[in-house]
Amino acid sequence: MNAFLGIAREPIFSPGKVDADRAILDAVAGVLARRGHRVRIVSAEDPLTPPEHGTTVFTMSQGPRALATLREWERAGVRVVNAVSSILGCHRHRLRDQLVRVGVPTPETLVLEGEAPPAWPAWLVTDGGWLKRGDVHATEPDDVVPVRGSAAAMEAMARMRARGIARVALQRHVEGRVCKFYGAANGFLATFSPGGTSLALAAEQLAALRALAMAAARAVGLEVYGGDCVFSPSAGVALIDLNDWPSYGPCRAAAADAIADHLETPGGASDQ
């Protein structure tokens, strides 16, 4: 019997998904408890006290206060899944360079520090793009907006600046079939349409997606992850976004089993 501590995500970082995010955490905790382990869940907004020696922490927290505490625990030798560095690595202003460094295909992305670039890319008019806040993935709908042309991009940037968001990412729009994926470091992978329905992929498409997802997660250091990709007729599969510990809504039960398996593995052995 081992000890586990789950930390629920701060509601501000679960826009419209507070219950769904809590559900996957509870599901993982339930699997571990049924296997005879001692499991406790707290909120990232609660005062976090150091766990007993040998406890594995599994966390969905994203706020700076909780992450600072978890980083202290990591330095003291506590295993934290996902690691704080990987959670922060999902911030878009960091993610782009990490993906490019290891050759993960991703749409062209500009990170803007609150100012317009010297020259807007031509594709902003021809293809359009997506303006996204540059840190956490979303706390409200206006954190990710479609834009076409410099005027629309400037207007969206101004709205974000007014909300205190200085750093944004402008990502080129790629036409194609969008796919959501949910994974874990032990090889679990599930794919769905953006609406959460099952998705029929050819064997070579699934193999390409698996390689893409694993390479992206490995680059950031994620063990429990999800994301979005697009299958383009001309350019193959490209990663649009990568998230630490999503809600796994369409595959919660299977994901909970796989995540529990991974948490039970000493040191988090990986198939990636």
Protein backbone atom coordinates (compact mmCIF):
# COMPACT_ATOMS: atom_id res chain seq x y z
CA MET A 1 0.00 0.00 0.00
CA ASN A 2 1.32 3.42 -1.01
CA ALA A 3 0.25 6.99 -0.25
CA PHE A 4 -1.04 9.37 -2.91
CA LEU A 5 -2.09 13.02 -2.75
CA GLY A 6 -4.24 14.53 -5.50
CA ILE A 7 -4.48 18.29 -5.95
CA ALA A 8 -7.56 19.69 -7.72
CA ARG A 9 -7.18 22.51 -10.23
CA GLU A 10 -8.04 26.08 -9.31
CA PRO A 11 -11.53 26.93 -10.70
CA ILE A 12 -10.20 29.94 -12.61
CA PHE A 13 -8.13 27.57 -14.74
CA SER A 14 -11.11 25.29 -15.44
CA PRO A 15 -13.42 27.59 -17.43
CA GLY A 16 -16.68 25.69 -17.87
CA LYS A 17 -14.94 22.46 -16.82
CA VAL A 18 -14.71 22.59 -13.04
CA ASP A 19 -16.81 19.44 -12.63
CA ALA A 20 -15.12 17.63 -15.54
CA ASP A 21 -11.63 18.39 -14.25
CA ARG A 22 -12.56 17.24 -10.76
CA ALA A 23 -14.17 14.10 -12.20
CA ILE A 24 -10.94 12.77 -13.73
CA LEU A 25 -9.02 13.50 -10.52
CA ASP A 26 -11.67 11.67 -8.49
CA ALA A 27 -11.68 8.80 -10.99
CA VAL A 28 -7.92 8.31 -10.68
CA ALA A 29 -8.18 8.52 -6.89
CA GLY A 30 -10.98 5.95 -6.96
CA VAL A 31 -8.91 3.48 -8.97
CA LEU A 32 -5.96 3.87 -6.62
CA ALA A 33 -8.17 3.46 -3.54
CA ARG A 34 -9.77 0.31 -4.93
CA ARG A 35 -6.29 -1.09 -5.43
CA GLY A 36 -5.63 -0.68 -1.72
CA HIS A 37 -3.70 2.59 -1.65
CA ARG A 38 -4.24 5.52 0.71
CA VAL A 39 -5.47 8.49 -1.29
CA ARG A 40 -6.31 12.02 -0.27
CA ILE A 41 -7.49 14.94 -2.44
CA VAL A 42 -7.16 18.63 -1.63
CA SER A 43 -7.75 21.83 -3.59
CA ALA A 44 -4.88 23.86 -5.01
CA GLU A 45 -6.51 26.83 -3.32
CA ASP A 46 -6.16 25.23 0.11
CA PRO A 47 -3.03 25.67 2.26
CA LEU A 48 -0.70 22.92 1.02
CA THR A 49 1.26 21.13 3.72
CA PRO A 50 4.14 18.79 2.83
CA PRO A 51 3.01 15.17 2.37
CA GLU A 52 4.38 12.30 4.38
CA HIS A 53 7.55 10.65 3.15
CA GLY A 54 7.06 8.44 0.10
CA THR A 55 3.81 10.06 -1.06
CA THR A 56 3.26 10.46 -4.80
CA VAL A 57 1.53 13.72 -5.66
CA PHE A 58 -0.68 13.95 -8.74
CA THR A 59 -1.72 17.49 -9.49
CA MET A 60 -3.90 19.46 -11.87
CA SER A 61 -2.93 22.81 -10.31
CA GLN A 62 -1.80 25.64 -12.56
CA GLY A 63 -1.71 28.71 -10.32
CA PRO A 64 1.59 30.30 -9.26
CA ARG A 65 1.07 29.85 -5.51
CA ALA A 66 0.44 26.11 -5.70
CA LEU A 67 3.19 25.57 -8.27
CA ALA A 68 5.72 27.39 -6.09
CA THR A 69 4.84 25.06 -3.21
CA LEU A 70 5.05 21.99 -5.42
CA ARG A 71 8.45 23.07 -6.66
CA GLU A 72 9.66 23.15 -3.06
CA TRP A 73 8.32 19.63 -2.57
CA GLU A 74 10.11 18.45 -5.71
CA ARG A 75 13.38 19.85 -4.39
CA ALA A 76 12.79 17.84 -1.22
CA GLY A 77 12.48 14.66 -3.30
CA VAL A 78 8.69 14.35 -3.65
CA ARG A 79 7.49 12.82 -6.91
CA VAL A 80 5.00 15.24 -8.52
CA VAL A 81 2.98 14.32 -11.62
CA ASN A 82 3.03 16.40 -13.73
CA ALA A 83 6.31 18.06 -12.75
CA VAL A 84 6.11 21.81 -12.24
CA SER A 85 8.57 22.44 -15.08
CA SER A 86 6.33 20.54 -17.51
CA ILE A 87 3.20 22.41 -16.39
CA LEU A 88 4.97 25.73 -16.98
CA GLY A 89 6.37 24.35 -20.23
CA CYS A 90 2.84 24.19 -21.63
CA HIS A 91 2.60 27.98 -21.52
CA ARG A 92 2.51 28.97 -25.17
CA HIS A 93 5.43 31.40 -25.02
CA ARG A 94 7.62 28.51 -23.85
CA LEU A 95 5.97 25.69 -25.77
CA ARG A 96 6.77 26.95 -29.26
CA ASP A 97 10.55 26.83 -28.85
CA GLN A 98 10.49 23.45 -27.12
CA LEU A 99 8.53 21.90 -29.98
CA VAL A 100 10.68 23.50 -32.67
CA ARG A 101 13.84 22.33 -30.90
CA VAL A 102 12.88 18.66 -31.22
CA GLY A 103 11.26 18.96 -34.65
CA VAL A 104 7.60 18.51 -33.67
CA PRO A 105 5.51 19.85 -36.58
CA THR A 106 3.41 22.82 -35.48
CA PRO A 107 1.81 25.74 -37.34
CA GLU A 108 3.98 28.84 -37.58
CA THR A 109 3.60 30.78 -34.33
CA LEU A 110 4.73 34.27 -33.34
CA VAL A 111 5.10 35.18 -29.67
CA LEU A 112 4.33 38.88 -29.23
CA GLU A 113 5.21 40.82 -26.10
CA GLY A 114 2.21 43.15 -26.20
CA GLU A 115 3.41 44.98 -29.33
CA ALA A 116 2.73 44.49 -33.01
CA PRO A 117 5.57 42.84 -34.95
CA PRO A 118 7.66 44.99 -37.33
CA ALA A 119 5.78 43.34 -40.19
CA TRP A 120 2.73 41.11 -39.99
CA PRO A 121 3.14 37.75 -41.76
CA ALA A 122 1.49 37.48 -45.17
CA TRP A 123 -0.41 34.38 -44.03
CA LEU A 124 -2.41 36.48 -41.59
CA VAL A 125 -4.39 37.72 -44.60
CA THR A 126 -4.30 34.63 -46.81
CA ASP A 127 -4.87 31.93 -44.19
CA GLY A 128 -5.89 33.79 -41.05
CA GLY A 129 -4.69 32.85 -37.61
CA TRP A 130 -5.52 32.33 -33.96
CA LEU A 131 -4.54 34.85 -31.32
CA LYS A 132 -4.07 33.13 -27.97
CA ARG A 133 -2.97 34.25 -24.55
CA GLY A 134 0.66 33.36 -24.14
CA ASP A 135 0.63 31.71 -20.73
CA VAL A 136 -2.11 29.39 -19.43
CA HIS A 137 -4.35 27.94 -22.09
CA ALA A 138 -7.70 29.57 -21.33
CA THR A 139 -9.62 31.12 -18.49
CA GLU A 140 -12.40 32.59 -20.63
CA PRO A 141 -13.60 32.45 -24.28
CA ASP A 142 -11.69 35.58 -25.40
CA ASP A 143 -8.38 33.90 -24.56
CA VAL A 144 -8.36 32.20 -27.98
CA VAL A 145 -9.83 34.12 -30.93
CA PRO A 146 -9.71 33.68 -34.71
CA VAL A 147 -8.24 36.66 -36.56
CA ARG A 148 -7.69 37.56 -40.19
CA GLY A 149 -5.68 40.63 -41.13
CA SER A 150 -3.64 43.01 -39.00
CA ALA A 151 -6.61 45.13 -37.89
CA ALA A 152 -8.38 42.14 -36.35
CA ALA A 153 -5.16 40.96 -34.72
CA MET A 154 -4.46 44.39 -33.23
CA GLU A 155 -8.01 44.64 -31.90
CA ALA A 156 -7.76 41.22 -30.24
CA MET A 157 -4.36 42.09 -28.78
CA ALA A 158 -5.78 45.32 -27.34
CA ARG A 159 -8.59 43.41 -25.64
CA MET A 160 -6.07 41.05 -24.08
CA ARG A 161 -3.82 43.90 -22.96
CA ALA A 162 -6.83 45.54 -21.30
CA ARG A 163 -7.20 42.34 -19.25
CA GLY A 164 -3.56 42.41 -18.22
CA ILE A 165 -2.35 39.82 -20.76
CA ALA A 166 0.82 41.30 -22.24
CA ARG A 167 2.27 38.22 -23.95
CA VAL A 168 0.26 36.56 -26.73
CA ALA A 169 0.82 33.91 -29.38
CA LEU A 170 -0.33 34.32 -32.97
CA GLN A 171 -0.64 30.92 -34.65
CA ARG A 172 -1.20 30.37 -38.34
CA HIS A 173 -4.50 28.71 -39.23
CA VAL A 174 -4.12 25.37 -40.99
CA GLU A 175 -7.02 23.89 -42.90
CA GLY A 176 -7.64 20.24 -42.21
CA ARG A 177 -9.21 17.69 -39.94
CA VAL A 178 -8.85 18.63 -36.27
CA CYS A 179 -8.35 15.85 -33.73
CA LYS A 180 -8.21 15.89 -29.93
CA PHE A 181 -5.97 13.41 -28.16
CA TYR A 182 -5.52 12.28 -24.58
CA GLY A 183 -2.42 10.45 -23.43
CA ALA A 184 -0.22 9.19 -20.62
CA ALA A 185 3.47 8.38 -20.45
CA ASN A 186 2.84 4.63 -20.24
CA GLY A 187 1.55 4.59 -23.81
CA PHE A 188 -2.17 5.25 -23.29
CA LEU A 189 -3.61 7.27 -26.18
CA ALA A 190 -7.22 8.06 -27.12
CA THR A 191 -8.38 10.20 -30.04
CA PHE A 192 -11.66 12.00 -30.64
CA SER A 193 -13.25 14.70 -32.75
CA PRO A 194 -13.42 18.22 -31.25
CA GLY A 195 -17.00 17.40 -30.23
CA GLY A 196 -15.90 14.32 -28.30
CA THR A 197 -17.21 11.73 -30.74
CA SER A 198 -15.16 8.76 -31.87
CA LEU A 199 -12.75 9.40 -34.71
CA ALA A 200 -11.87 6.92 -37.43
CA LEU A 201 -8.23 7.29 -38.38
CA ALA A 202 -6.26 5.28 -40.89
CA ALA A 203 -3.47 3.19 -39.38
CA GLU A 204 -0.78 5.51 -40.73
CA GLN A 205 -2.62 8.57 -39.39
CA LEU A 206 -2.90 7.04 -35.93
CA ALA A 207 0.79 6.10 -35.97
CA ALA A 208 1.74 9.64 -36.99
CA LEU A 209 -0.46 11.14 -34.28
CA ARG A 210 0.97 8.82 -31.62
CA ALA A 211 4.52 9.74 -32.60
CA LEU A 212 3.63 13.44 -32.60
CA ALA A 213 1.89 13.35 -29.21
CA MET A 214 4.66 11.36 -27.54
CA ALA A 215 7.41 13.55 -28.98
CA ALA A 216 5.64 16.71 -27.83
CA ALA A 217 4.98 15.35 -24.33
CA ARG A 218 8.57 14.14 -24.05
CA ALA A 219 9.91 17.54 -25.13
CA VAL A 220 8.01 19.26 -22.33
CA GLY A 221 8.34 16.47 -19.77
CA LEU A 222 4.62 15.74 -19.45
CA GLU A 223 3.41 12.41 -18.08
CA VAL A 224 -0.35 13.08 -18.18
CA TYR A 225 -1.39 15.18 -21.14
CA GLY A 226 -3.74 16.03 -23.97
CA GLY A 227 -3.87 18.31 -26.95
CA ASP A 228 -5.14 19.18 -30.39
CA CYS A 229 -3.67 18.46 -33.78
CA VAL A 230 -4.70 18.98 -37.38
CA PHE A 231 -4.36 16.62 -40.33
CA SER A 232 -3.61 18.77 -43.36
CA PRO A 233 -3.90 17.29 -46.87
CA SER A 234 -0.69 19.06 -47.86
CA ALA A 235 1.45 18.99 -44.70
CA GLY A 236 0.45 15.90 -42.74
CA VAL A 237 -0.22 16.14 -39.01
CA ALA A 238 0.74 19.19 -36.93
CA LEU A 239 0.33 19.97 -33.24
CA ILE A 240 -1.95 22.91 -32.43
CA ASP A 241 -1.91 22.82 -28.63
CA LEU A 242 -0.57 20.72 -25.76
CA ASN A 243 -2.08 20.68 -22.27
CA ASP A 244 -1.07 19.32 -18.90
CA TRP A 245 -3.65 16.96 -17.41
CA PRO A 246 -6.89 17.58 -19.38
CA SER A 247 -10.33 16.40 -18.24
CA TYR A 248 -10.31 13.23 -20.43
CA GLY A 249 -14.09 13.66 -20.78
CA PRO A 250 -14.72 11.19 -23.64
CA CYS A 251 -12.48 8.47 -22.15
CA ARG A 252 -12.44 9.12 -18.41
CA ALA A 253 -12.71 5.54 -17.13
CA ALA A 254 -10.02 4.13 -19.42
CA ALA A 255 -7.77 7.13 -18.79
CA ALA A 256 -8.16 6.83 -15.01
CA ASP A 257 -7.00 3.20 -15.15
CA ALA A 258 -4.01 4.10 -17.33
CA ILE A 259 -3.02 7.09 -15.19
CA ALA A 260 -3.31 5.02 -12.01
CA ASP A 261 -1.09 2.36 -13.61
CA HIS A 262 1.49 5.04 -14.34
CA LEU A 263 1.33 6.55 -10.86
CA GLU A 264 1.84 3.11 -9.32
CA THR A 265 5.02 2.61 -11.34
CA PRO A 266 8.06 3.63 -9.28
CA GLY A 267 9.72 6.61 -10.91
CA GLY A 268 7.05 6.78 -13.60
CA ALA A 269 8.51 4.40 -16.17
CA SER A 270 7.60 5.62 -19.64
CA ASP A 271 6.79 4.06 -22.99
CA GLN A 272 7.37 7.37 -24.72
